[in-house]
Amino acid sequence: MFSQTVEYALRAAVYLAQRRPDPVTTENIAQATKVPQAYLAKVISSLVKAGLVKSQRGVGGGVTLVRPPEDVNILEVVNAVDPIKRITTCPLDLMTHGMKLCPLHRRVDNAYAMVENAFRSTTLAEILAEPGQSVPLCEVPTVEPSSSAVVPAKPNHRMPLEVEVAAPAD
């Protein structure tokens, strides 16, 4: 349902939320989140354009979240790189449907709406704070401030990206 770009953007955003306010190099983000560095650079560029992160070159530079993790929801991250495309007209261009969606496409669009609402109501801080027993997308190593060495994170610093979506009431 979601593109690889969305997956990578969510990994990077959660990692940056964990590191905030310290700047992190794209090399460290790529290594920690298992995202190819060249692809990550494009993802970061989209996040910068959306105003979610800032990037500064040079000594002491790196990438940081612009706002606190409590103020960034995961829908913003998704929309920055590959927005959820809602169904507003018949995808088959059937004239008999006009502006109304058939029962199938209405339900599909309702599912998209539920995902949007779940993502809109989930902040990066909530993702970081949620304890989980599930296997994370990737281990989130910590970067020691005095060096660029990457070390494994504590067990509770994992990146679950599970969102519960309630079934539609029909």
N, C-alpha and C. Protein backbone atom coordinates (compact mmCIF):
# COMPACT_ATOMS: atom_id res chain seq x y z
N MET A 1 0.82 -1.20 0.00
CA MET A 1 0.00 0.00 0.00
C MET A 1 0.86 1.26 0.00
N PHE A 2 2.01 1.19 0.64
CA PHE A 2 2.89 2.36 0.70
C PHE A 2 4.17 2.09 -0.07
N SER A 3 4.69 3.13 -0.68
CA SER A 3 5.90 3.02 -1.48
C SER A 3 7.13 2.84 -0.58
N GLN A 4 8.20 2.40 -1.21
CA GLN A 4 9.48 2.27 -0.50
C GLN A 4 9.93 3.65 -0.01
N THR A 5 9.63 4.68 -0.76
CA THR A 5 9.99 6.04 -0.35
C THR A 5 9.31 6.42 0.96
N VAL A 6 8.04 6.07 1.12
CA VAL A 6 7.33 6.34 2.38
C VAL A 6 7.99 5.58 3.52
N GLU A 7 8.28 4.32 3.29
CA GLU A 7 8.95 3.50 4.31
C GLU A 7 10.26 4.16 4.75
N TYR A 8 11.07 4.57 3.79
CA TYR A 8 12.36 5.19 4.11
C TYR A 8 12.18 6.53 4.83
N ALA A 9 11.20 7.31 4.41
CA ALA A 9 10.95 8.61 5.05
C ALA A 9 10.51 8.42 6.51
N LEU A 10 9.67 7.43 6.74
CA LEU A 10 9.22 7.16 8.11
C LEU A 10 10.38 6.70 8.99
N ARG A 11 11.23 5.84 8.46
CA ARG A 11 12.40 5.40 9.22
C ARG A 11 13.28 6.59 9.58
N ALA A 12 13.56 7.43 8.58
CA ALA A 12 14.43 8.59 8.81
C ALA A 12 13.80 9.55 9.81
N ALA A 13 12.52 9.82 9.68
CA ALA A 13 11.85 10.76 10.58
C ALA A 13 11.86 10.26 12.02
N VAL A 14 11.59 8.98 12.21
CA VAL A 14 11.60 8.42 13.56
C VAL A 14 13.02 8.48 14.13
N TYR A 15 14.00 8.17 13.32
CA TYR A 15 15.38 8.23 13.78
C TYR A 15 15.77 9.66 14.16
N LEU A 16 15.39 10.63 13.33
CA LEU A 16 15.69 12.03 13.64
C LEU A 16 14.95 12.49 14.90
N ALA A 17 13.74 12.00 15.09
CA ALA A 17 12.98 12.34 16.30
C ALA A 17 13.72 11.83 17.53
N GLN A 18 14.28 10.65 17.41
CA GLN A 18 15.02 10.07 18.53
C GLN A 18 16.29 10.86 18.82
N ARG A 19 16.91 11.41 17.80
CA ARG A 19 18.18 12.13 17.95
C ARG A 19 18.01 13.62 18.26
N ARG A 20 16.81 14.16 18.10
CA ARG A 20 16.57 15.58 18.26
C ARG A 20 17.03 16.05 19.62
N PRO A 21 17.67 17.19 19.74
CA PRO A 21 17.88 18.23 18.74
C PRO A 21 19.21 18.13 17.99
N ASP A 22 19.96 17.06 18.23
CA ASP A 22 21.28 16.93 17.61
C ASP A 22 21.19 16.69 16.11
N PRO A 23 22.02 17.37 15.32
CA PRO A 23 22.05 17.11 13.89
C PRO A 23 22.70 15.75 13.62
N VAL A 24 22.23 15.06 12.60
CA VAL A 24 22.73 13.74 12.23
C VAL A 24 23.08 13.76 10.75
N THR A 25 24.22 13.20 10.41
CA THR A 25 24.62 13.17 9.00
C THR A 25 23.75 12.17 8.24
N THR A 26 23.62 12.41 6.95
CA THR A 26 22.85 11.46 6.13
C THR A 26 23.53 10.09 6.14
N GLU A 27 24.84 10.07 6.25
CA GLU A 27 25.56 8.79 6.32
C GLU A 27 25.12 8.01 7.56
N ASN A 28 25.03 8.67 8.71
CA ASN A 28 24.61 7.99 9.93
C ASN A 28 23.14 7.57 9.87
N ILE A 29 22.29 8.43 9.29
CA ILE A 29 20.87 8.08 9.16
C ILE A 29 20.74 6.85 8.27
N ALA A 30 21.45 6.85 7.15
CA ALA A 30 21.39 5.73 6.20
C ALA A 30 21.85 4.43 6.87
N GLN A 31 22.94 4.50 7.60
CA GLN A 31 23.47 3.31 8.26
C GLN A 31 22.49 2.80 9.33
N ALA A 32 21.95 3.71 10.12
CA ALA A 32 21.07 3.32 11.22
C ALA A 32 19.73 2.76 10.74
N THR A 33 19.23 3.29 9.63
CA THR A 33 17.89 2.92 9.17
C THR A 33 17.91 1.93 8.01
N LYS A 34 19.11 1.57 7.57
CA LYS A 34 19.28 0.63 6.46
C LYS A 34 18.63 1.14 5.17
N VAL A 35 18.83 2.42 4.92
CA VAL A 35 18.33 3.06 3.71
C VAL A 35 19.54 3.42 2.85
N PRO A 36 19.54 3.08 1.56
CA PRO A 36 20.67 3.47 0.71
C PRO A 36 20.88 4.99 0.77
N GLN A 37 22.14 5.39 0.97
CA GLN A 37 22.44 6.81 1.20
C GLN A 37 22.00 7.71 0.05
N ALA A 38 22.18 7.28 -1.19
CA ALA A 38 21.77 8.12 -2.33
C ALA A 38 20.26 8.31 -2.34
N TYR A 39 19.52 7.25 -2.04
CA TYR A 39 18.05 7.33 -1.99
C TYR A 39 17.64 8.21 -0.81
N LEU A 40 18.32 8.04 0.31
CA LEU A 40 18.00 8.84 1.50
C LEU A 40 18.17 10.33 1.22
N ALA A 41 19.18 10.70 0.46
CA ALA A 41 19.40 12.12 0.14
C ALA A 41 18.17 12.71 -0.55
N LYS A 42 17.54 11.94 -1.44
CA LYS A 42 16.33 12.41 -2.12
C LYS A 42 15.16 12.51 -1.15
N VAL A 43 15.06 11.54 -0.25
CA VAL A 43 14.00 11.55 0.75
C VAL A 43 14.16 12.77 1.67
N ILE A 44 15.37 13.00 2.12
CA ILE A 44 15.65 14.15 2.99
C ILE A 44 15.32 15.45 2.27
N SER A 45 15.64 15.53 1.00
CA SER A 45 15.31 16.72 0.22
C SER A 45 13.81 16.99 0.22
N SER A 46 13.00 15.94 0.06
CA SER A 46 11.54 16.10 0.11
C SER A 46 11.07 16.54 1.49
N LEU A 47 11.69 16.00 2.53
CA LEU A 47 11.32 16.38 3.90
C LEU A 47 11.71 17.83 4.19
N VAL A 48 12.83 18.27 3.61
CA VAL A 48 13.24 19.68 3.75
C VAL A 48 12.23 20.58 3.04
N LYS A 49 11.85 20.24 1.81
CA LYS A 49 10.89 21.04 1.05
C LYS A 49 9.55 21.15 1.78
N ALA A 50 9.18 20.09 2.50
CA ALA A 50 7.91 20.08 3.25
C ALA A 50 8.03 20.83 4.58
N GLY A 51 9.24 21.26 4.92
CA GLY A 51 9.43 22.01 6.17
C GLY A 51 9.47 21.13 7.41
N LEU A 52 9.68 19.85 7.23
CA LEU A 52 9.73 18.94 8.39
C LEU A 52 11.13 18.82 8.98
N VAL A 53 12.13 18.90 8.13
CA VAL A 53 13.51 18.82 8.60
C VAL A 53 14.31 19.97 8.00
N LYS A 54 15.44 20.24 8.62
CA LYS A 54 16.38 21.20 8.02
C LYS A 54 17.71 20.51 7.88
N SER A 55 18.45 20.92 6.89
CA SER A 55 19.74 20.32 6.60
C SER A 55 20.78 21.43 6.54
N GLN A 56 21.88 21.20 7.24
CA GLN A 56 22.95 22.20 7.26
C GLN A 56 24.25 21.52 6.91
N ARG A 57 24.96 22.08 5.96
CA ARG A 57 26.24 21.53 5.54
C ARG A 57 27.35 22.01 6.46
N GLY A 58 28.47 21.32 6.40
CA GLY A 58 29.67 21.77 7.10
C GLY A 58 29.84 21.15 8.48
N VAL A 59 30.89 21.63 9.15
CA VAL A 59 31.22 21.14 10.48
C VAL A 59 30.06 21.43 11.44
N GLY A 60 29.65 20.42 12.17
CA GLY A 60 28.52 20.58 13.09
C GLY A 60 27.18 20.54 12.40
N GLY A 61 27.20 20.32 11.10
CA GLY A 61 25.96 20.28 10.34
C GLY A 61 25.34 18.90 10.36
N GLY A 62 24.27 18.78 9.63
CA GLY A 62 23.55 17.53 9.55
C GLY A 62 22.07 17.81 9.36
N VAL A 63 21.27 16.82 9.61
CA VAL A 63 19.83 16.92 9.43
C VAL A 63 19.17 16.88 10.80
N THR A 64 18.17 17.76 10.99
CA THR A 64 17.42 17.78 12.25
C THR A 64 15.94 18.00 11.94
N LEU A 65 15.11 17.53 12.86
CA LEU A 65 13.67 17.84 12.77
C LEU A 65 13.48 19.31 13.09
N VAL A 66 12.59 19.97 12.40
CA VAL A 66 12.32 21.38 12.64
C VAL A 66 11.48 21.57 13.91
N ARG A 67 10.49 20.67 14.10
CA ARG A 67 9.60 20.77 15.25
C ARG A 67 9.83 19.60 16.20
N PRO A 68 9.38 19.74 17.44
CA PRO A 68 9.50 18.61 18.38
C PRO A 68 8.71 17.40 17.86
N PRO A 69 9.15 16.19 18.20
CA PRO A 69 8.45 14.98 17.76
C PRO A 69 6.98 14.94 18.16
N GLU A 70 6.62 15.62 19.23
CA GLU A 70 5.22 15.67 19.67
C GLU A 70 4.36 16.45 18.69
N ASP A 71 4.99 17.28 17.88
CA ASP A 71 4.26 18.16 16.96
C ASP A 71 4.33 17.70 15.50
N VAL A 72 4.86 16.52 15.27
CA VAL A 72 4.97 16.00 13.90
C VAL A 72 4.21 14.68 13.85
N ASN A 73 3.17 14.64 13.01
CA ASN A 73 2.46 13.37 12.87
C ASN A 73 2.98 12.63 11.64
N ILE A 74 2.75 11.31 11.63
CA ILE A 74 3.33 10.53 10.54
C ILE A 74 2.64 10.76 9.20
N LEU A 75 1.43 11.30 9.22
CA LEU A 75 0.80 11.65 7.95
C LEU A 75 1.58 12.76 7.26
N GLU A 76 2.12 13.70 8.02
CA GLU A 76 2.93 14.77 7.43
C GLU A 76 4.14 14.19 6.71
N VAL A 77 4.75 13.19 7.31
CA VAL A 77 5.92 12.55 6.71
C VAL A 77 5.52 11.85 5.42
N VAL A 78 4.43 11.09 5.48
CA VAL A 78 3.93 10.39 4.30
C VAL A 78 3.62 11.39 3.18
N ASN A 79 2.87 12.43 3.51
CA ASN A 79 2.47 13.41 2.50
C ASN A 79 3.65 14.18 1.92
N ALA A 80 4.74 14.27 2.66
CA ALA A 80 5.93 14.98 2.15
C ALA A 80 6.59 14.23 1.00
N VAL A 81 6.47 12.90 0.99
CA VAL A 81 7.19 12.13 -0.02
C VAL A 81 6.29 11.42 -1.03
N ASP A 82 5.11 10.99 -0.60
CA ASP A 82 4.21 10.26 -1.51
C ASP A 82 2.81 10.26 -0.90
N PRO A 83 2.08 11.35 -1.09
CA PRO A 83 0.77 11.49 -0.44
C PRO A 83 -0.19 10.34 -0.75
N ILE A 84 -1.03 10.03 0.22
CA ILE A 84 -2.07 9.03 0.01
C ILE A 84 -3.05 9.60 -1.00
N LYS A 85 -3.31 8.85 -2.05
CA LYS A 85 -4.19 9.32 -3.11
C LYS A 85 -5.60 8.83 -2.85
N ARG A 86 -6.44 9.75 -2.43
CA ARG A 86 -7.84 9.42 -2.18
C ARG A 86 -8.58 9.27 -3.50
N ILE A 87 -9.64 8.50 -3.47
CA ILE A 87 -10.46 8.27 -4.67
C ILE A 87 -11.62 9.26 -4.63
N THR A 88 -11.65 10.19 -5.57
CA THR A 88 -12.71 11.21 -5.58
C THR A 88 -13.68 11.03 -6.73
N THR A 89 -13.24 10.36 -7.78
CA THR A 89 -14.12 10.07 -8.91
C THR A 89 -13.88 8.63 -9.34
N CYS A 90 -14.74 8.11 -10.13
CA CYS A 90 -14.65 6.72 -10.59
C CYS A 90 -13.31 6.49 -11.28
N PRO A 91 -12.50 5.56 -10.76
CA PRO A 91 -11.21 5.28 -11.39
C PRO A 91 -11.35 4.70 -12.80
N LEU A 92 -12.52 4.17 -13.11
CA LEU A 92 -12.76 3.58 -14.43
C LEU A 92 -13.35 4.59 -15.41
N ASP A 93 -13.58 5.81 -14.95
CA ASP A 93 -14.18 6.86 -15.78
C ASP A 93 -15.52 6.46 -16.36
N LEU A 94 -16.30 5.73 -15.58
CA LEU A 94 -17.63 5.33 -16.03
C LEU A 94 -18.59 6.50 -15.92
N MET A 95 -19.18 6.88 -17.01
CA MET A 95 -20.07 8.03 -17.04
C MET A 95 -21.29 7.82 -16.14
N THR A 96 -21.74 6.57 -16.02
CA THR A 96 -22.92 6.29 -15.21
C THR A 96 -22.67 6.52 -13.72
N HIS A 97 -21.40 6.53 -13.32
CA HIS A 97 -21.08 6.77 -11.90
C HIS A 97 -21.03 8.27 -11.59
N GLY A 98 -20.75 9.06 -12.59
CA GLY A 98 -20.65 10.50 -12.37
C GLY A 98 -19.65 10.79 -11.27
N MET A 99 -20.06 11.61 -10.30
CA MET A 99 -19.19 11.97 -9.19
C MET A 99 -19.35 11.01 -8.02
N LYS A 100 -20.25 10.04 -8.13
CA LYS A 100 -20.46 9.07 -7.05
C LYS A 100 -19.51 7.89 -7.22
N LEU A 101 -19.04 7.39 -6.12
CA LEU A 101 -18.20 6.20 -6.17
C LEU A 101 -19.09 4.97 -6.03
N CYS A 102 -18.72 3.92 -6.72
CA CYS A 102 -19.44 2.65 -6.56
C CYS A 102 -19.14 2.10 -5.17
N PRO A 103 -19.89 1.11 -4.71
CA PRO A 103 -19.66 0.56 -3.37
C PRO A 103 -18.22 0.08 -3.14
N LEU A 104 -17.61 -0.53 -4.15
CA LEU A 104 -16.24 -1.00 -4.00
C LEU A 104 -15.28 0.16 -3.77
N HIS A 105 -15.30 1.15 -4.66
CA HIS A 105 -14.36 2.26 -4.56
C HIS A 105 -14.65 3.16 -3.37
N ARG A 106 -15.91 3.24 -2.96
CA ARG A 106 -16.24 3.99 -1.75
C ARG A 106 -15.58 3.33 -0.53
N ARG A 107 -15.65 2.00 -0.48
CA ARG A 107 -15.02 1.28 0.64
C ARG A 107 -13.50 1.41 0.61
N VAL A 108 -12.92 1.34 -0.57
CA VAL A 108 -11.48 1.52 -0.69
C VAL A 108 -11.09 2.92 -0.22
N ASP A 109 -11.84 3.92 -0.65
CA ASP A 109 -11.56 5.29 -0.22
C ASP A 109 -11.77 5.45 1.29
N ASN A 110 -12.78 4.78 1.84
CA ASN A 110 -12.98 4.82 3.30
C ASN A 110 -11.78 4.23 4.02
N ALA A 111 -11.20 3.18 3.47
CA ALA A 111 -10.00 2.58 4.08
C ALA A 111 -8.84 3.57 4.03
N TYR A 112 -8.67 4.26 2.90
CA TYR A 112 -7.63 5.29 2.81
C TYR A 112 -7.87 6.38 3.85
N ALA A 113 -9.12 6.76 4.03
CA ALA A 113 -9.46 7.80 5.02
C ALA A 113 -9.11 7.34 6.43
N MET A 114 -9.36 6.07 6.73
CA MET A 114 -9.03 5.55 8.06
C MET A 114 -7.52 5.55 8.28
N VAL A 115 -6.77 5.21 7.25
CA VAL A 115 -5.31 5.24 7.36
C VAL A 115 -4.84 6.67 7.58
N GLU A 116 -5.38 7.60 6.79
CA GLU A 116 -5.03 9.01 6.98
C GLU A 116 -5.30 9.46 8.41
N ASN A 117 -6.48 9.13 8.93
CA ASN A 117 -6.84 9.54 10.30
C ASN A 117 -5.92 8.91 11.33
N ALA A 118 -5.60 7.63 11.15
CA ALA A 118 -4.69 6.96 12.08
C ALA A 118 -3.30 7.62 12.05
N PHE A 119 -2.81 7.91 10.86
CA PHE A 119 -1.50 8.55 10.73
C PHE A 119 -1.53 9.98 11.24
N ARG A 120 -2.62 10.70 10.99
CA ARG A 120 -2.76 12.08 11.47
C ARG A 120 -2.76 12.13 13.01
N SER A 121 -3.29 11.11 13.63
CA SER A 121 -3.40 11.11 15.09
C SER A 121 -2.21 10.43 15.78
N THR A 122 -1.18 10.07 15.02
CA THR A 122 0.00 9.42 15.59
C THR A 122 1.22 10.30 15.38
N THR A 123 1.82 10.73 16.47
CA THR A 123 3.02 11.58 16.37
C THR A 123 4.28 10.74 16.41
N LEU A 124 5.37 11.35 15.99
CA LEU A 124 6.66 10.67 16.08
C LEU A 124 7.00 10.34 17.53
N ALA A 125 6.64 11.23 18.45
CA ALA A 125 6.90 10.99 19.87
C ALA A 125 6.16 9.75 20.36
N GLU A 126 4.94 9.56 19.89
CA GLU A 126 4.17 8.37 20.28
C GLU A 126 4.83 7.10 19.76
N ILE A 127 5.36 7.15 18.56
CA ILE A 127 6.05 5.99 17.99
C ILE A 127 7.26 5.64 18.87
N LEU A 128 8.00 6.67 19.29
CA LEU A 128 9.19 6.42 20.12
C LEU A 128 8.84 5.93 21.51
N ALA A 129 7.73 6.40 22.05
CA ALA A 129 7.37 6.09 23.43
C ALA A 129 6.67 4.75 23.58
N GLU A 130 6.13 4.22 22.51
CA GLU A 130 5.34 2.99 22.60
C GLU A 130 6.21 1.76 22.83
N PRO A 131 5.99 1.08 23.94
CA PRO A 131 6.75 -0.16 24.14
C PRO A 131 6.21 -1.22 23.20
N GLY A 132 7.08 -2.08 22.75
CA GLY A 132 6.62 -3.09 21.82
C GLY A 132 7.39 -4.38 21.94
N GLN A 133 6.73 -5.45 21.63
CA GLN A 133 7.36 -6.76 21.61
C GLN A 133 7.66 -7.21 20.19
N SER A 134 7.16 -6.48 19.21
CA SER A 134 7.34 -6.88 17.83
C SER A 134 8.75 -6.58 17.35
N VAL A 135 9.13 -7.26 16.30
CA VAL A 135 10.44 -7.04 15.70
C VAL A 135 10.41 -5.69 15.01
N PRO A 136 11.38 -4.83 15.27
CA PRO A 136 11.38 -3.49 14.65
C PRO A 136 11.75 -3.56 13.17
N LEU A 137 11.47 -2.46 12.49
CA LEU A 137 11.90 -2.37 11.09
C LEU A 137 13.40 -2.52 11.00
N CYS A 138 14.09 -1.89 11.93
CA CYS A 138 15.53 -2.02 12.02
C CYS A 138 15.96 -1.57 13.41
N GLU A 139 17.06 -2.09 13.87
CA GLU A 139 17.60 -1.64 15.15
C GLU A 139 18.01 -0.19 14.97
N VAL A 140 17.78 0.62 15.97
CA VAL A 140 18.17 2.03 15.88
C VAL A 140 19.40 2.23 16.72
N PRO A 141 20.58 2.28 16.09
CA PRO A 141 21.78 2.51 16.86
C PRO A 141 21.86 3.96 17.32
N THR A 142 22.62 4.18 18.35
CA THR A 142 22.83 5.55 18.82
C THR A 142 24.16 6.03 18.29
N VAL A 143 24.28 7.32 18.09
CA VAL A 143 25.54 7.92 17.65
C VAL A 143 26.08 8.71 18.82
N GLU A 144 27.26 8.33 19.25
CA GLU A 144 27.88 9.04 20.37
C GLU A 144 28.18 10.47 19.92
N PRO A 145 27.80 11.49 20.75
CA PRO A 145 27.99 12.88 20.36
C PRO A 145 29.43 13.24 20.06
N SER A 146 30.41 12.62 20.74
CA SER A 146 31.80 13.01 20.57
C SER A 146 32.46 12.33 19.36
N SER A 147 31.75 11.44 18.71
CA SER A 147 32.33 10.77 17.55
C SER A 147 31.24 10.46 16.53
N SER A 148 31.65 9.91 15.43
CA SER A 148 30.67 9.50 14.43
C SER A 148 30.46 7.99 14.49
N ALA A 149 30.97 7.36 15.56
CA ALA A 149 30.82 5.92 15.69
C ALA A 149 29.36 5.57 15.99
N VAL A 150 28.89 4.54 15.36
CA VAL A 150 27.52 4.08 15.57
C VAL A 150 27.58 2.87 16.49
N VAL A 151 26.78 2.93 17.57
CA VAL A 151 26.74 1.82 18.53
C VAL A 151 25.30 1.35 18.66
N PRO A 152 25.10 0.08 19.01
CA PRO A 152 23.72 -0.41 19.14
C PRO A 152 22.93 0.36 20.18
N ALA A 153 21.65 0.49 19.95
CA ALA A 153 20.77 1.21 20.88
C ALA A 153 20.35 0.29 22.02
N LYS A 154 19.80 0.90 23.05
CA LYS A 154 19.22 0.14 24.14
C LYS A 154 18.01 -0.61 23.59
N PRO A 155 17.64 -1.75 24.17
CA PRO A 155 16.55 -2.55 23.63
C PRO A 155 15.22 -1.82 23.46
N ASN A 156 14.92 -0.84 24.31
CA ASN A 156 13.63 -0.15 24.18
C ASN A 156 13.65 0.98 23.16
N HIS A 157 14.76 1.18 22.48
CA HIS A 157 14.85 2.21 21.44
C HIS A 157 14.69 1.55 20.08
N ARG A 158 13.50 1.06 19.82
CA ARG A 158 13.22 0.39 18.56
C ARG A 158 12.21 1.20 17.78
N MET A 159 12.02 0.86 16.55
CA MET A 159 11.17 1.63 15.66
C MET A 159 9.92 0.87 15.24
N PRO A 160 8.97 0.64 16.13
CA PRO A 160 7.75 0.00 15.64
C PRO A 160 6.95 1.01 14.83
N LEU A 161 6.50 0.62 13.68
CA LEU A 161 5.66 1.50 12.88
C LEU A 161 4.32 0.81 12.65
N GLU A 162 3.74 0.35 13.75
CA GLU A 162 2.45 -0.29 13.68
C GLU A 162 1.39 0.71 14.04
N VAL A 163 0.36 0.79 13.27
CA VAL A 163 -0.75 1.70 13.54
C VAL A 163 -2.02 0.88 13.51
N GLU A 164 -2.78 1.00 14.59
CA GLU A 164 -4.04 0.28 14.63
C GLU A 164 -5.08 1.08 13.87
N VAL A 165 -5.82 0.41 13.02
CA VAL A 165 -6.87 1.05 12.23
C VAL A 165 -8.18 0.34 12.56
N ALA A 166 -9.13 1.12 13.03
CA ALA A 166 -10.45 0.54 13.35
C ALA A 166 -11.20 0.23 12.07
N ALA A 167 -12.00 -0.81 12.13
CA ALA A 167 -12.84 -1.18 10.98
C ALA A 167 -13.95 -0.16 10.79
N PRO A 168 -14.35 0.09 9.55
CA PRO A 168 -15.41 1.08 9.31
C PRO A 168 -16.75 0.58 9.85
N ALA A 169 -17.50 1.52 10.36
CA ALA A 169 -18.85 1.19 10.84
C ALA A 169 -19.82 1.35 9.69
N ASP A 170 -20.38 0.25 9.23
CA ASP A 170 -21.36 0.32 8.13
C ASP A 170 -22.74 0.08 8.62
